[in-house]
Amino acid sequence: MSFEYLEWPRFGDAERIALTTVLDSGKWWRNEGQFVAQVEYLLAEVEQAKYALAVSNGTHALELALMATDVPRDSAVVVPALTFYSSMASIQKHGAYPAIADVDLETWALAAGWDDHLKPGACSAVMPVHYGGVPAPVDEIGKVAARIGAVMIQDTAHGPGIRCGGAPVTAYGDASCYSFQAAKLLPAGEGGAVIFRDKDVFDRARLMHNCGRAIDETGYDHREIGSNYRMNEFSAAVLSAQFGRFEELAKIRARNIAKFCERLSGNPLVTFQKCPGNGSLASQYLVQARLPSTARAELRDAIVRELQHQGIPANRVYPALFELKSYWLRPEPGTTQGDLLDRCPNAALISRTGLCFHHKMFLAEPDRIDAMADEVARTIGETMMSA
C-alpha cells in the first residue's frame, strides 16, 4: 500500500489574497507594511504573551535572544544533547560554548541534574528544547537557572501551542524562540519569532533586529550592535493566513495521533516519547518513538527507508550534538567524545534507536491512520526479525 500525497503545507485563497495585497501595495518590508505586525499580534495571542518580535528565521531567533539577554562570550550555555543543529550553532556563533546535558528517557527533554557537571559561575544560560513539541519541564529548569544566575532561552521551534503544567511556555524564562520554516506547524517558507517576558529586553531586541535602530525611524541613529533579522512582508502575509488554519488542524492532528498511538500501544518493539501530565500539552509537531535498546542504528535506518518508500513521512531522530563535526569546532573546553557519551547515555540511546513521524501524516483520513499504523508495525516487526 502506498501513502503518497500527504499534503503539506496547506494553503488556499487566503494566502493568495494576502500575497497579492503585499505585491500590489509596493510595501514589501516590515518597516512600511502591515503583515509582520499582524503576525506578532497573532502569535502573542496564541501564546498568551505581550512582547512578540517576528524575525527572518528560527536560527536568527535564537541568535537574537542570546544577544538581547546579554549572554557573555566564552560562557557555558546548557543545551540538551538531542536537538537540531541550530540550537547549538546559535550558541557557538554568539561566542559562547554549548555545555551538553542528557535528556530524560521518557520525555526526551532536558533531564534533571543538567547543572551537575558545571563549574561554579561558568553557566550564563540554559536552552531547554521542546523536542517534537513535547514540553520540557521549564518550570523546574527555570528555578535552577534562577538559583545559579542563568537566563533561560527556550527553543520552541516545534511549537507554538505547547503548554507546561497548563501554562503557556512563555510564562517561564526570559525568551521563547519559534520557527516558521516550511515544515513547521505554522509554515511561511522561512521565518521565526522571539517572545520576550521583559519589555526592556524586547525593546532592545527590536533595535538589534533592525540594524540597531527603531522600526519607525528613517535616519541613521544606529544605537545598538545588531543586524538585519527582519521578517519580510511576503513571508508574513502567508503566515498571517496560516494562523487561520492553525486551531482546526491541531484538532485533527490530536484525534489522529491518539488513534495512531492507541493502535500501536501494545507493540513491544515501539516506545513512544511521552508528554508529561499535570495539564501539559504537546504541539504534536512530531510523533517520536524508539526501538528496543538492543537495536542498531543501521536497523533503525533500514526501517525508516522502507517506511519512506511506502510514502510514510518517517525519519531518524536528530543525532546527538556531540556526533556532529561542527560541535567540535567550538566544544565545551576539556571535554572528549567519551566524556559526553558517559554524561549522556539516554541521548546516545535515543539517537541510535529513535525515529519520528511528521505531523502532516496525521492530517490524513482516519482509515489511512489505521493503515499507516499497521504498516509501521509490519515494517518494524519484519525488519527486526530479519536482523
Protein backbone atom coordinates (compact mmCIF):
# COMPACT_ATOMS: atom_id res chain seq x y z
CA MET A 1 0.00 0.00 0.00
CA SER A 2 1.32 3.47 -0.86
CA PHE A 3 0.65 6.53 1.27
CA GLU A 4 1.78 9.25 -1.14
CA TYR A 5 0.15 12.67 -1.43
CA LEU A 6 0.15 13.64 2.25
CA GLU A 7 -0.07 17.35 1.50
CA TRP A 8 1.92 19.99 3.38
CA PRO A 9 1.75 22.92 3.61
CA ARG A 10 -1.97 23.50 3.31
CA PHE A 11 -2.90 26.77 1.58
CA GLY A 12 -5.59 28.41 -0.50
CA ASP A 13 -7.28 31.69 -1.36
CA ALA A 14 -6.43 33.35 1.96
CA GLU A 15 -2.70 33.02 1.29
CA ARG A 16 -3.08 34.10 -2.36
CA ILE A 17 -5.07 37.21 -1.42
CA ALA A 18 -2.57 38.17 1.28
CA LEU A 19 0.39 37.78 -1.09
CA THR A 20 -1.34 39.82 -3.79
CA THR A 21 -2.13 42.52 -1.25
CA VAL A 22 1.55 42.88 -0.41
CA LEU A 23 2.62 42.80 -4.04
CA ASP A 24 0.12 45.43 -5.11
CA SER A 25 0.90 47.69 -2.15
CA GLY A 26 4.59 48.03 -3.02
CA LYS A 27 5.30 47.88 0.73
CA TRP A 28 7.43 44.76 0.81
CA TRP A 29 9.42 45.23 4.05
CA ARG A 30 8.23 45.35 7.62
CA ASN A 31 9.02 49.00 8.26
CA GLU A 32 6.27 50.05 5.84
CA GLY A 33 3.90 47.08 5.67
CA GLN A 34 1.20 45.65 7.92
CA PHE A 35 1.57 41.87 7.89
CA VAL A 36 4.67 41.44 10.08
CA ALA A 37 2.98 43.40 12.86
CA GLN A 38 -0.13 41.26 12.36
CA VAL A 39 1.93 38.07 12.76
CA GLU A 40 3.38 39.40 16.00
CA TYR A 41 -0.12 40.12 17.31
CA LEU A 42 -1.46 36.70 16.31
CA LEU A 43 1.47 34.79 17.82
CA ALA A 44 1.25 36.74 21.07
CA GLU A 45 -2.46 35.87 21.22
CA VAL A 46 -1.85 32.13 20.71
CA GLU A 47 0.96 32.08 23.27
CA GLN A 48 -0.79 34.41 25.75
CA ALA A 49 2.11 36.86 25.76
CA LYS A 50 2.79 40.55 25.17
CA TYR A 51 6.18 41.02 23.55
CA ALA A 52 6.48 39.10 20.27
CA LEU A 53 9.07 40.02 17.66
CA ALA A 54 8.97 38.42 14.19
CA VAL A 55 12.35 37.67 12.60
CA SER A 56 13.80 36.11 9.45
CA ASN A 57 14.05 32.51 10.69
CA GLY A 58 14.21 30.33 13.79
CA THR A 59 18.02 30.22 13.90
CA HIS A 60 18.15 34.02 13.92
CA ALA A 61 15.54 33.99 16.70
CA LEU A 62 17.94 32.04 18.92
CA GLU A 63 20.87 34.27 17.99
CA LEU A 64 18.90 37.43 18.74
CA ALA A 65 17.68 36.07 22.08
CA LEU A 66 21.26 35.35 23.16
CA MET A 67 22.30 38.88 22.14
CA ALA A 68 19.36 40.71 23.71
CA THR A 69 19.67 38.89 27.06
CA ASP A 70 23.40 39.73 27.28
CA VAL A 71 24.72 36.17 27.45
CA PRO A 72 28.50 36.65 27.90
CA ARG A 73 31.02 35.39 25.35
CA ASP A 74 33.12 32.40 26.42
CA SER A 75 30.48 31.30 28.92
CA ALA A 76 28.61 27.99 29.09
CA VAL A 77 25.10 27.68 27.68
CA VAL A 78 23.50 24.37 28.66
CA VAL A 79 21.68 22.62 25.83
CA PRO A 80 20.19 19.12 25.64
CA ALA A 81 22.15 16.60 23.59
CA LEU A 82 19.07 15.85 21.46
CA THR A 83 18.13 18.89 19.41
CA PHE A 84 18.60 20.33 15.94
CA TYR A 85 21.93 21.85 14.91
CA SER A 86 20.63 25.43 15.19
CA SER A 87 20.27 25.26 18.97
CA MET A 88 23.99 24.53 19.26
CA ALA A 89 25.18 26.69 16.36
CA SER A 90 23.45 29.80 17.69
CA ILE A 91 25.44 29.42 20.91
CA GLN A 92 28.72 28.87 19.08
CA LYS A 93 28.14 31.79 16.72
CA HIS A 94 27.40 34.02 19.70
CA GLY A 95 30.86 33.22 21.05
CA ALA A 96 29.70 31.07 23.96
CA TYR A 97 30.08 27.29 24.10
CA PRO A 98 27.41 24.58 24.31
CA ALA A 99 27.55 22.62 27.55
CA ILE A 100 25.73 19.44 26.54
CA ALA A 101 23.48 17.68 29.05
CA ASP A 102 21.49 14.45 28.91
CA VAL A 103 17.77 14.07 28.26
CA ASP A 104 15.03 12.24 30.11
CA LEU A 105 14.44 8.79 28.62
CA GLU A 106 10.65 9.22 28.62
CA THR A 107 10.08 12.84 27.56
CA TRP A 108 13.38 13.32 25.64
CA ALA A 109 13.65 16.78 27.25
CA LEU A 110 16.50 18.21 29.31
CA ALA A 111 16.89 15.90 32.30
CA ALA A 112 17.08 16.89 35.96
CA GLY A 113 20.65 17.40 37.13
CA TRP A 114 21.63 19.31 33.99
CA ASP A 115 23.73 21.64 36.11
CA ASP A 116 25.67 18.92 37.95
CA HIS A 117 28.72 18.97 35.68
CA LEU A 118 29.08 22.76 35.54
CA LYS A 119 31.87 24.67 37.17
CA PRO A 120 30.60 27.32 39.63
CA GLY A 121 29.86 30.57 37.82
CA ALA A 122 30.54 29.17 34.35
CA CYS A 123 26.93 28.89 33.16
CA SER A 124 25.26 32.05 31.88
CA ALA A 125 22.21 30.48 30.20
CA VAL A 126 20.22 27.31 29.69
CA MET A 127 18.34 26.47 26.48
CA PRO A 128 15.63 23.86 27.07
CA VAL A 129 14.20 22.41 23.86
CA HIS A 130 10.60 21.28 23.40
CA TYR A 131 11.68 18.47 21.10
CA GLY A 132 8.92 17.30 18.79
CA GLY A 133 6.59 19.73 20.57
CA VAL A 134 6.68 17.81 23.87
CA PRO A 135 7.06 20.34 26.71
CA ALA A 136 10.32 20.43 28.61
CA PRO A 137 9.95 20.95 32.39
CA VAL A 138 10.64 24.67 32.10
CA ASP A 139 9.14 25.41 35.49
CA GLU A 140 11.79 23.29 37.25
CA ILE A 141 14.56 24.28 34.84
CA GLY A 142 13.74 27.93 35.46
CA LYS A 143 14.07 27.50 39.21
CA VAL A 144 17.55 26.03 38.85
CA ALA A 145 18.50 28.74 36.35
CA ALA A 146 17.42 31.44 38.78
CA ARG A 147 19.41 29.81 41.59
CA ILE A 148 22.65 29.79 39.57
CA GLY A 149 22.07 33.19 37.95
CA ALA A 150 21.47 31.95 34.40
CA VAL A 151 18.93 33.21 31.87
CA MET A 152 16.56 30.72 30.25
CA ILE A 153 16.04 30.86 26.48
CA GLN A 154 13.58 28.27 25.19
CA ASP A 155 13.90 26.64 21.78
CA THR A 156 10.23 26.42 20.84
CA ALA A 157 10.83 25.80 17.13
CA HIS A 158 8.45 22.84 17.32
CA GLY A 159 5.62 24.98 18.66
CA PRO A 160 3.51 27.01 19.09
CA GLY A 161 0.72 25.67 21.24
CA ILE A 162 2.88 23.94 23.84
CA ARG A 163 1.68 24.10 27.44
CA CYS A 164 3.68 23.27 30.55
CA GLY A 165 1.55 22.36 33.55
CA GLY A 166 -1.38 24.11 31.88
CA ALA A 167 0.51 27.37 31.29
CA PRO A 168 1.97 28.64 28.02
CA VAL A 169 5.73 28.20 27.85
CA THR A 170 6.04 31.99 27.57
CA ALA A 171 5.16 32.17 31.27
CA TYR A 172 8.65 30.85 32.04
CA GLY A 173 12.15 32.14 31.48
CA ASP A 174 13.40 35.12 29.54
CA ALA A 175 12.71 34.30 25.88
CA SER A 176 10.95 31.71 23.71
CA CYS A 177 12.10 31.22 20.11
CA TYR A 178 9.94 29.98 17.23
CA SER A 179 10.42 28.76 13.67
CA PHE A 180 8.06 29.16 10.70
CA GLN A 181 10.14 27.15 8.22
CA ALA A 182 8.12 25.30 5.57
CA ALA A 183 7.81 22.04 7.52
CA LYS A 184 6.64 23.66 10.75
CA LEU A 185 3.14 23.85 12.21
CA LEU A 186 2.87 27.45 11.02
CA PRO A 187 4.77 27.48 7.71
CA ALA A 188 5.91 30.61 5.91
CA GLY A 189 8.72 29.11 3.84
CA GLU A 190 11.13 30.80 6.22
CA GLY A 191 10.50 32.88 9.32
CA GLY A 192 10.85 32.96 13.07
CA ALA A 193 9.96 34.91 16.18
CA VAL A 194 11.07 35.60 19.74
CA ILE A 195 8.69 36.25 22.61
CA PHE A 196 10.31 38.10 25.49
CA ARG A 197 8.95 38.41 29.03
CA ASP A 198 10.65 41.71 29.82
CA LYS A 199 9.69 44.86 27.92
CA ASP A 200 13.14 46.45 28.18
CA VAL A 201 14.78 43.37 26.66
CA PHE A 202 12.09 43.30 23.96
CA ASP A 203 12.67 46.96 23.13
CA ARG A 204 16.40 46.33 22.87
CA ALA A 205 15.83 43.32 20.60
CA ARG A 206 13.61 45.41 18.31
CA LEU A 207 16.53 47.77 17.80
CA MET A 208 19.00 44.92 17.32
CA HIS A 209 16.90 43.13 14.70
CA ASN A 210 16.58 46.35 12.64
CA CYS A 211 20.28 47.20 12.24
CA GLY A 212 20.39 48.84 15.66
CA ARG A 213 17.71 51.47 15.07
CA ALA A 214 13.99 51.86 15.69
CA ILE A 215 11.48 50.48 13.19
CA ASP A 216 9.73 53.81 12.68
CA GLU A 217 12.95 55.77 12.07
CA THR A 218 14.36 56.63 8.65
CA GLY A 219 17.62 58.26 9.78
CA TYR A 220 20.93 56.77 10.89
CA ASP A 221 20.62 56.66 14.66
CA HIS A 222 22.12 53.17 14.99
CA ARG A 223 22.39 52.81 18.78
CA GLU A 224 22.73 49.05 19.25
CA ILE A 225 25.06 46.45 17.77
CA GLY A 226 22.69 44.31 15.77
CA SER A 227 21.95 43.01 12.30
CA ASN A 228 19.12 42.67 9.79
CA TYR A 229 16.93 39.97 11.30
CA ARG A 230 13.67 41.40 9.90
CA MET A 231 10.88 39.21 8.58
CA ASN A 232 9.69 40.36 5.13
CA GLU A 233 6.09 41.17 4.29
CA PHE A 234 5.64 38.29 1.80
CA SER A 235 6.52 35.64 4.41
CA ALA A 236 4.34 37.43 6.94
CA ALA A 237 1.40 37.54 4.52
CA VAL A 238 1.49 33.77 4.09
CA LEU A 239 1.96 33.27 7.81
CA SER A 240 -0.89 35.53 8.84
CA ALA A 241 -3.23 33.41 6.70
CA GLN A 242 -1.81 30.21 8.18
CA PHE A 243 -2.93 31.28 11.64
CA GLY A 244 -6.49 30.92 10.39
CA ARG A 245 -5.88 27.19 9.86
CA PHE A 246 -3.86 26.51 12.99
CA GLU A 247 -6.56 25.62 15.53
CA GLU A 248 -8.60 23.34 13.28
CA LEU A 249 -5.55 21.44 12.01
CA ALA A 250 -4.36 20.99 15.60
CA LYS A 251 -7.67 19.33 16.49
CA ILE A 252 -7.44 16.93 13.54
CA ARG A 253 -3.85 16.00 14.42
CA ALA A 254 -4.72 15.41 18.07
CA ARG A 255 -7.50 12.97 17.18
CA ASN A 256 -5.43 11.09 14.65
CA ILE A 257 -2.31 10.91 16.79
CA ALA A 258 -4.34 9.42 19.64
CA LYS A 259 -5.71 6.86 17.17
CA PHE A 260 -2.25 6.04 15.79
CA CYS A 261 -0.64 5.63 19.21
CA GLU A 262 -3.53 3.55 20.52
CA ARG A 263 -3.24 1.16 17.58
CA LEU A 264 0.46 0.65 18.34
CA SER A 265 0.16 0.76 22.13
CA GLY A 266 0.58 -2.98 22.65
CA ASN A 267 3.60 -3.30 20.38
CA PRO A 268 6.67 -4.26 22.48
CA LEU A 269 9.03 -3.01 19.75
CA VAL A 270 7.84 0.63 19.99
CA THR A 271 8.25 3.01 22.95
CA PHE A 272 6.73 6.43 22.31
CA GLN A 273 8.10 9.72 23.58
CA LYS A 274 5.81 10.79 26.45
CA CYS A 275 4.20 14.10 27.25
CA PRO A 276 4.27 14.99 30.96
CA GLY A 277 1.00 15.13 32.89
CA ASN A 278 -0.31 17.92 35.13
CA GLY A 279 -2.07 19.77 32.33
CA SER A 280 0.90 19.79 29.97
CA LEU A 281 0.14 19.78 26.25
CA ALA A 282 2.32 18.87 23.26
CA SER A 283 2.08 20.75 19.97
CA GLN A 284 2.40 17.41 18.18
CA TYR A 285 4.87 18.63 15.59
CA LEU A 286 6.41 15.15 15.61
CA VAL A 287 5.34 11.76 16.90
CA GLN A 288 8.53 10.06 18.06
CA ALA A 289 9.41 6.61 19.29
CA ARG A 290 12.40 4.40 19.91
CA LEU A 291 13.10 0.77 19.16
CA PRO A 292 14.39 -1.70 21.76
CA SER A 293 17.74 -0.70 23.26
CA THR A 294 19.45 -3.62 21.51
CA ALA A 295 18.62 -2.22 18.05
CA ARG A 296 21.50 -0.93 15.95
CA ALA A 297 21.38 2.37 14.10
CA GLU A 298 21.62 0.52 10.78
CA LEU A 299 18.45 -1.40 11.64
CA ARG A 300 16.57 1.79 12.50
CA ASP A 301 17.76 3.39 9.26
CA ALA A 302 16.54 0.40 7.24
CA ILE A 303 13.11 0.73 8.85
CA VAL A 304 12.98 4.43 8.01
CA ARG A 305 13.95 3.81 4.39
CA GLU A 306 11.22 1.22 3.96
CA LEU A 307 8.58 3.48 5.54
CA GLN A 308 9.64 6.35 3.29
CA HIS A 309 9.41 4.02 0.30
CA GLN A 310 5.79 3.38 1.27
CA GLY A 311 5.15 7.15 1.37
CA ILE A 312 5.04 7.42 5.16
CA PRO A 313 6.86 10.60 6.30
CA ALA A 314 9.24 8.92 8.74
CA ASN A 315 12.80 9.91 9.57
CA ARG A 316 15.53 9.17 12.05
CA VAL A 317 15.70 11.42 15.10
CA TYR A 318 18.37 14.10 15.33
CA PRO A 319 21.85 12.78 16.05
CA ALA A 320 23.25 13.70 19.45
CA LEU A 321 25.03 17.05 19.18
CA PHE A 322 28.41 15.58 20.06
CA GLU A 323 28.12 13.32 17.00
CA LEU A 324 28.23 16.40 14.73
CA LYS A 325 31.58 17.56 13.37
CA SER A 326 30.58 21.19 13.93
CA TYR A 327 30.27 20.66 17.70
CA TRP A 328 34.00 20.05 17.91
CA LEU A 329 34.78 23.36 16.21
CA ARG A 330 33.77 25.12 19.45
CA PRO A 331 33.17 22.48 22.13
CA GLU A 332 32.91 22.68 25.87
CA PRO A 333 36.54 23.12 26.95
CA GLY A 334 38.24 19.96 28.19
CA THR A 335 35.58 17.50 27.05
CA THR A 336 36.07 14.42 24.91
CA GLN A 337 33.66 12.23 22.95
CA GLY A 338 33.95 9.64 25.70
CA ASP A 339 33.11 12.21 28.38
CA LEU A 340 29.90 13.17 26.61
CA LEU A 341 28.90 9.57 25.92
CA ASP A 342 29.25 8.90 29.65
CA ARG A 343 27.36 12.08 30.52
CA CYS A 344 24.52 11.50 28.04
CA PRO A 345 23.63 7.79 27.87
CA ASN A 346 19.92 8.44 27.24
CA ALA A 347 20.60 10.79 24.33
CA ALA A 348 23.04 8.30 22.81
CA LEU A 349 20.43 5.52 23.07
CA ILE A 350 17.63 7.60 21.52
CA SER A 351 19.94 8.89 18.80
CA ARG A 352 20.72 5.28 17.83
CA THR A 353 17.21 3.80 18.08
CA GLY A 354 14.79 6.70 17.61
CA LEU A 355 12.54 7.52 14.68
CA CYS A 356 9.90 10.16 14.08
CA PHE A 357 6.77 10.85 12.05
CA HIS A 358 5.99 14.30 10.61
CA HIS A 359 2.77 16.00 11.63
CA LYS A 360 1.40 16.13 8.07
CA MET A 361 0.85 12.37 8.33
CA PHE A 362 -1.83 12.97 10.95
CA LEU A 363 -3.99 15.14 8.72
CA ALA A 364 -4.93 12.05 6.68
CA GLU A 365 -8.34 10.40 6.78
CA PRO A 366 -8.91 8.18 9.87
CA ASP A 367 -8.88 4.92 7.90
CA ARG A 368 -5.46 5.82 6.47
CA ILE A 369 -4.19 6.43 10.03
CA ASP A 370 -5.05 2.84 10.95
CA ALA A 371 -3.42 1.57 7.74
CA MET A 372 -0.26 3.58 8.37
CA ALA A 373 -0.03 2.33 11.96
CA ASP A 374 -0.36 -1.24 10.71
CA GLU A 375 2.34 -0.63 8.08
CA VAL A 376 4.66 0.79 10.74
CA ALA A 377 4.10 -2.27 12.92
CA ARG A 378 4.66 -4.62 9.97
CA THR A 379 7.83 -2.89 8.80
CA ILE A 380 9.38 -2.75 12.25
CA GLY A 381 8.46 -6.35 13.04
CA GLU A 382 9.73 -7.80 9.76
CA THR A 383 12.95 -5.77 9.81
CA MET A 384 13.70 -6.72 13.40
CA MET A 385 13.00 -10.39 12.66
CA SER A 386 15.35 -10.38 9.68
CA ALA A 387 18.24 -8.80 11.60
